[in-house]
Protein backbone atom coordinates (compact mmCIF):
# COMPACT_ATOMS: atom_id res chain seq x y z
CA MET A 1 0.00 0.00 0.00
CA ASP A 2 1.50 3.36 -1.00
CA ASN A 3 1.38 6.55 1.03
CA LYS A 4 -1.44 8.06 -1.08
CA THR A 5 -3.75 5.12 -0.45
CA THR A 6 -2.97 5.21 3.26
CA VAL A 7 -3.88 8.91 3.46
CA ILE A 8 -7.24 8.29 1.70
CA ILE A 9 -8.14 5.46 4.08
CA VAL A 10 -7.21 7.51 7.15
CA SER A 11 -9.27 10.46 5.87
CA VAL A 12 -12.36 8.26 5.32
CA LEU A 13 -12.08 6.73 8.80
CA ALA A 14 -11.73 10.16 10.36
CA ALA A 15 -14.83 11.37 8.54
CA LEU A 16 -16.80 8.37 9.75
CA LEU A 17 -15.70 8.94 13.33
CA ILE A 18 -16.69 12.59 13.19
CA ALA A 19 -20.12 11.73 11.71
CA GLY A 20 -20.71 9.04 14.33
CA GLY A 21 -19.84 11.44 17.08
CA ALA A 22 -22.27 13.98 15.70
CA ILE A 23 -25.06 11.39 15.52
CA PHE A 24 -24.28 10.24 19.05
CA TYR A 25 -24.35 13.83 20.26
CA VAL A 26 -27.72 14.50 18.63
CA ASN A 27 -29.27 11.28 19.92
CA ASN A 28 -27.80 11.81 23.34
CA SER A 29 -29.15 15.37 23.42
CA LYS A 30 -32.63 14.12 22.47
CA ALA A 31 -32.48 11.45 25.18
CA LYS A 32 -31.49 14.02 27.80
CA LYS A 33 -34.26 16.33 26.63
CA ILE A 34 -36.81 13.51 26.95
CA GLU A 35 -35.49 12.64 30.42
CA THR A 36 -35.83 16.29 31.44
CA MET A 37 -39.43 16.42 30.16
CA GLU A 38 -40.32 13.20 31.99
CA ALA A 39 -38.79 14.57 35.17
CA GLN A 40 -40.90 17.71 34.85
CA ILE A 41 -44.09 15.72 34.16
CA PHE A 42 -43.66 13.43 37.17
CA SER A 43 -42.01 15.93 39.50
CA ASP A 44 -43.70 16.47 42.87
CA ASP A 45 -43.50 20.18 42.15
CA VAL A 46 -45.72 19.90 39.08
CA GLU A 47 -49.50 19.79 39.75
CA VAL A 48 -51.17 17.07 37.73
CA PRO A 49 -54.92 17.60 37.15
CA LYS A 50 -56.94 14.94 38.97
CA ALA A 51 -60.04 13.25 37.58
CA GLU A 52 -63.25 14.54 39.12
CA VAL A 53 -64.68 12.13 41.67
CA LYS A 54 -68.45 12.39 41.87
CA THR A 55 -69.81 11.45 45.27
CA GLN A 56 -73.44 10.88 46.17
CA THR A 57 -73.63 13.92 48.41
CA ALA A 58 -72.18 16.11 45.64
CA ASN A 59 -75.12 15.46 43.35
CA ASN A 60 -77.12 18.43 42.18
CA LEU A 61 -80.32 18.92 44.19
CA ALA A 62 -81.51 21.94 42.24
CA ASP A 63 -84.28 19.90 40.59
CA LEU A 64 -85.85 19.11 43.98
CA LYS A 65 -88.51 21.49 45.29
CA LEU A 66 -87.69 21.41 48.98
CA PRO A 67 -89.32 22.98 52.04
CA ASP A 68 -87.59 25.97 53.61
CA ILE A 69 -86.17 23.85 56.44
CA LEU A 70 -83.97 22.09 53.86
CA LYS A 71 -82.93 25.07 51.73
CA ASP A 72 -79.13 25.24 51.37
CA LYS A 73 -78.78 22.07 53.46
CA LYS A 74 -76.41 19.38 52.23
CA ALA A 75 -77.90 15.92 51.71
CA ASP A 76 -76.34 13.03 53.61
CA PHE A 77 -77.34 10.53 50.93
CA VAL A 78 -78.48 10.94 47.32
CA GLU A 79 -79.74 8.18 45.03
CA ASP A 80 -79.85 8.93 41.29
CA PHE A 81 -80.82 5.36 40.35
CA ASN A 82 -77.94 4.24 38.21
CA ASP A 83 -78.55 0.85 39.80
CA LEU A 84 -80.14 -0.65 42.93
CA ASN A 85 -76.95 -1.49 44.81
CA ASN A 86 -77.94 0.69 47.77
CA TRP A 87 -81.24 -1.11 48.31
CA VAL A 88 -82.68 -4.44 49.44
CA GLU A 89 -85.85 -5.46 47.62
CA GLU A 90 -88.75 -6.61 49.78
CA GLU A 91 -89.75 -10.25 49.54
CA ASP A 92 -93.26 -11.24 48.46
CA PHE A 93 -95.70 -10.07 51.12
CA GLU A 94 -99.46 -9.81 51.51
CA PHE A 95 -100.67 -7.23 53.99
CA ASN A 96 -104.25 -7.59 52.77
CA LYS A 97 -105.94 -8.21 49.43
CA TRP A 98 -105.42 -4.56 48.45
CA ALA A 99 -101.77 -4.36 49.46
CA ILE A 100 -99.67 -7.17 47.98
CA THR A 101 -95.94 -6.80 47.37
CA THR A 102 -94.25 -8.93 44.70
CA LYS A 103 -90.51 -9.12 44.19
CA GLY A 104 -88.57 -9.05 40.92
CA GLU A 105 -90.50 -6.49 38.88
CA LEU A 106 -88.35 -3.39 39.45
CA GLU A 107 -86.00 -2.01 36.84
CA VAL A 108 -83.74 0.99 36.41
CA LYS A 109 -83.86 2.60 32.99
CA ASP A 110 -82.00 5.80 32.03
CA GLY A 111 -81.69 6.82 35.68
CA ILE A 112 -85.36 6.19 36.48
CA LEU A 113 -86.74 3.54 38.84
CA LEU A 114 -90.00 1.92 37.78
CA ARG A 115 -92.03 -1.26 38.07
CA LYS A 116 -92.48 -3.33 34.92
CA SER A 117 -95.89 -4.86 35.67
CA ALA A 118 -99.05 -4.09 37.63
CA GLY A 119 -98.61 -4.36 41.38
CA THR A 120 -96.37 -3.04 44.16
CA SER A 121 -92.66 -3.39 44.94
CA GLY A 122 -90.81 -2.62 48.17
CA LEU A 123 -87.28 -1.30 48.76
CA LYS A 124 -85.30 -0.84 51.96
CA LEU A 125 -82.30 1.50 51.98
CA LYS A 126 -79.08 -0.09 53.22
CA ASP A 127 -76.78 1.36 55.88
CA VAL A 128 -78.61 4.69 56.42
CA GLU A 129 -80.23 5.01 59.83
CA ILE A 130 -83.20 7.32 60.15
CA LYS A 131 -83.71 9.22 63.42
CA ASP A 132 -84.58 12.89 62.93
CA ALA A 133 -84.44 13.20 59.16
CA ALA A 134 -86.10 14.33 55.95
CA VAL A 135 -86.52 12.26 52.80
CA ALA A 136 -87.24 14.02 49.52
CA ILE A 137 -88.24 12.08 46.41
CA LYS A 138 -88.65 13.37 42.88
CA LEU A 139 -91.39 11.26 41.28
CA ARG A 140 -94.28 11.23 38.87
CA VAL A 141 -97.11 9.09 37.56
CA ASN A 142 -96.52 8.41 33.87
CA GLN A 143 -100.01 7.28 32.94
CA LYS A 144 -103.51 7.52 34.38
CA PRO A 145 -104.46 4.18 35.94
CA GLU A 146 -107.41 2.40 34.34
CA SER A 147 -108.75 1.57 37.80
CA GLY A 148 -107.78 2.07 41.42
CA ALA A 149 -104.97 4.30 42.64
CA VAL A 150 -101.20 4.26 42.16
CA GLY A 151 -98.52 5.99 44.17
CA THR A 152 -95.59 5.71 46.54
CA ARG A 153 -95.23 5.08 50.27
CA ILE A 154 -92.38 6.54 52.31
CA HIS A 155 -91.87 4.83 55.66
CA LEU A 156 -89.35 6.31 58.10
CA ARG A 157 -87.84 4.70 61.20
CA ASN A 158 -88.82 1.28 59.89
CA SER A 159 -86.63 -1.43 61.48
CA GLU A 160 -88.41 -4.40 59.91
CA ASP A 161 -88.23 -6.28 56.61
CA HIS A 162 -91.69 -5.21 55.39
CA TRP A 163 -93.16 -1.81 54.67
CA CYS A 164 -95.98 -1.80 57.26
CA TYR A 165 -93.90 -0.46 60.17
CA GLY A 166 -92.70 2.98 61.16
CA LEU A 167 -93.94 6.40 60.15
CA GLY A 168 -95.65 6.32 56.79
CA VAL A 169 -96.52 8.96 54.22
CA ASN A 170 -98.67 7.48 51.47
CA VAL A 171 -99.04 9.68 48.37
CA THR A 172 -101.31 8.51 45.55
CA THR A 173 -103.47 9.54 42.63
CA TYR A 174 -106.42 9.22 45.04
CA SER A 175 -105.27 11.12 48.12
CA TYR A 176 -102.68 11.06 50.95
CA GLU A 177 -102.32 9.55 54.41
CA LEU A 178 -99.92 9.95 57.32
CA ALA A 179 -99.81 7.23 59.99
CA ASN A 180 -97.74 5.36 62.56
CA TRP A 181 -97.70 1.71 61.44
CA HIS A 182 -97.26 -1.22 63.84
CA GLY A 183 -97.26 -4.23 61.51
CA LYS A 184 -99.67 -6.65 59.94
CA GLY A 185 -102.74 -7.25 62.07
CA GLU A 186 -102.08 -4.17 64.22
CA ALA A 187 -104.08 -0.97 64.00
CA LYS A 188 -102.17 2.05 62.73
CA THR A 189 -102.23 5.17 64.89
CA ALA A 190 -101.72 8.93 64.47
CA VAL A 191 -103.64 8.79 61.22
CA SER A 192 -104.06 11.97 59.20
CA THR A 193 -106.08 12.16 55.97
CA PRO A 194 -107.98 15.01 54.34
CA ALA A 195 -111.70 15.38 55.05
CA SER A 196 -112.32 14.45 51.43
CA PRO A 197 -109.90 12.75 49.02
CA GLN A 198 -107.33 15.07 47.42
CA SER A 199 -105.34 13.60 44.53
CA GLN A 200 -101.62 14.25 44.99
CA LEU A 201 -100.35 12.90 41.67
CA ASP A 202 -101.56 13.13 38.10
CA VAL A 203 -100.07 12.95 34.63
CA GLU A 204 -100.51 16.68 34.00
CA LYS A 205 -98.49 17.64 37.11
CA SER A 206 -95.58 15.54 35.84
CA TRP A 207 -92.60 15.60 38.25
CA VAL A 208 -93.21 16.61 41.86
CA THR A 209 -91.06 16.49 45.00
CA VAL A 210 -92.59 14.63 47.91
CA THR A 211 -90.86 15.23 51.24
CA ALA A 212 -91.44 13.37 54.52
CA VAL A 213 -89.91 14.90 57.64
CA VAL A 214 -89.71 13.31 61.07
CA LYS A 215 -88.36 15.23 64.03
CA GLY A 216 -88.98 14.00 67.54
CA ASN A 217 -92.61 12.94 67.69
CA LYS A 218 -93.80 14.95 64.69
CA LEU A 219 -94.24 13.65 61.13
CA SER A 220 -94.71 16.20 58.33
CA TYR A 221 -95.58 15.86 54.67
CA TYR A 222 -94.69 18.40 51.96
CA ILE A 223 -95.30 18.48 48.24
CA ASP A 224 -93.14 20.77 46.10
CA GLY A 225 -91.95 22.49 49.30
CA GLN A 226 -95.43 23.28 50.63
CA LEU A 227 -96.65 21.79 53.91
CA VAL A 228 -99.69 19.54 53.41
CA ALA A 229 -100.18 17.76 56.76
CA GLU A 230 -98.59 16.94 60.13
CA VAL A 231 -99.22 14.45 62.92
CA GLU A 232 -97.76 13.98 66.40
CA GLU A 233 -97.72 11.01 68.76
CA ASP A 234 -95.65 10.02 71.78
CA ALA A 235 -95.44 6.40 70.60
CA PHE A 236 -93.29 7.09 67.53
CA PRO A 237 -90.33 4.70 67.10
CA GLU A 238 -87.02 6.42 67.81
CA LYS A 239 -85.03 5.12 64.86
CA GLY A 240 -85.02 2.71 61.94
CA ASN A 241 -84.53 2.65 58.19
CA LEU A 242 -86.10 4.11 55.07
CA PHE A 243 -88.60 1.89 53.29
CA LEU A 244 -90.28 2.68 49.96
CA SER A 245 -93.28 1.05 48.31
CA VAL A 246 -93.69 1.78 44.61
CA THR A 247 -96.62 0.80 42.39
CA HIS A 248 -96.74 0.40 38.63
CA LEU A 249 -97.08 3.60 36.56
CA MET A 250 -94.79 5.40 39.02
CA GLU A 251 -91.34 6.73 38.12
CA LEU A 252 -88.74 7.73 40.72
CA ASP A 253 -85.90 9.95 39.59
CA LYS A 254 -84.08 10.85 42.81
CA VAL A 255 -84.09 10.21 46.56
CA ALA A 256 -82.29 12.51 48.98
CA VAL A 257 -81.89 11.93 52.73
CA PHE A 258 -81.11 14.80 55.08
CA LYS A 259 -80.22 14.14 58.71
CA LEU A 260 -81.66 16.83 60.98
């Protein structure tokens, strides 16, 4: 190999080394830049936006027409009926031939609770004790019944597995009733009904807010924030659960519980 050939080879190798160094420098610079960006992203000093966590008590209550005693008060429990996980459905039960509960006919559809067939269903709220409290329910009747009455019962301080205990507010297309219930075969006490029937629900009214309030020995019933009736009795149970009875043609959109 002559000197000229040697010089050419050395020059080519030098060029390759220089080019490789440049490539390494560029790639290394990019890697360091990426490491710096990752460090900034995951640094404790950088605030990362957190996903919004929607809790039951954070639900919007603006669509409920509440009495003044509940205005600006935060609910302790809100049910928007995405499912029935918060409830225990009542087993089949016959109180009398006019009040028969059958299990398995409830469904939740687009955030609305309803019964699929003619009859009555019962639900007991899990893990929420009722002492002094208010329960507000947004509901409506979606169709005029061909016969009889349809509606919803709200029973407070009910410690049993059937609806006929505790302090009941019964709201129907026929009228309303407040009473202290003592179980099947026992006479209810502290009964309050209007002198003549007054329909509380109809298709034209659409959605209404029914609120039952128990405080001490007084049970109160409101519709769309307006007081309708009250009863008092020394024999009221002190505590229990919330129990609902829902007939066909009824739709429930929301339940809110306020501890007083």
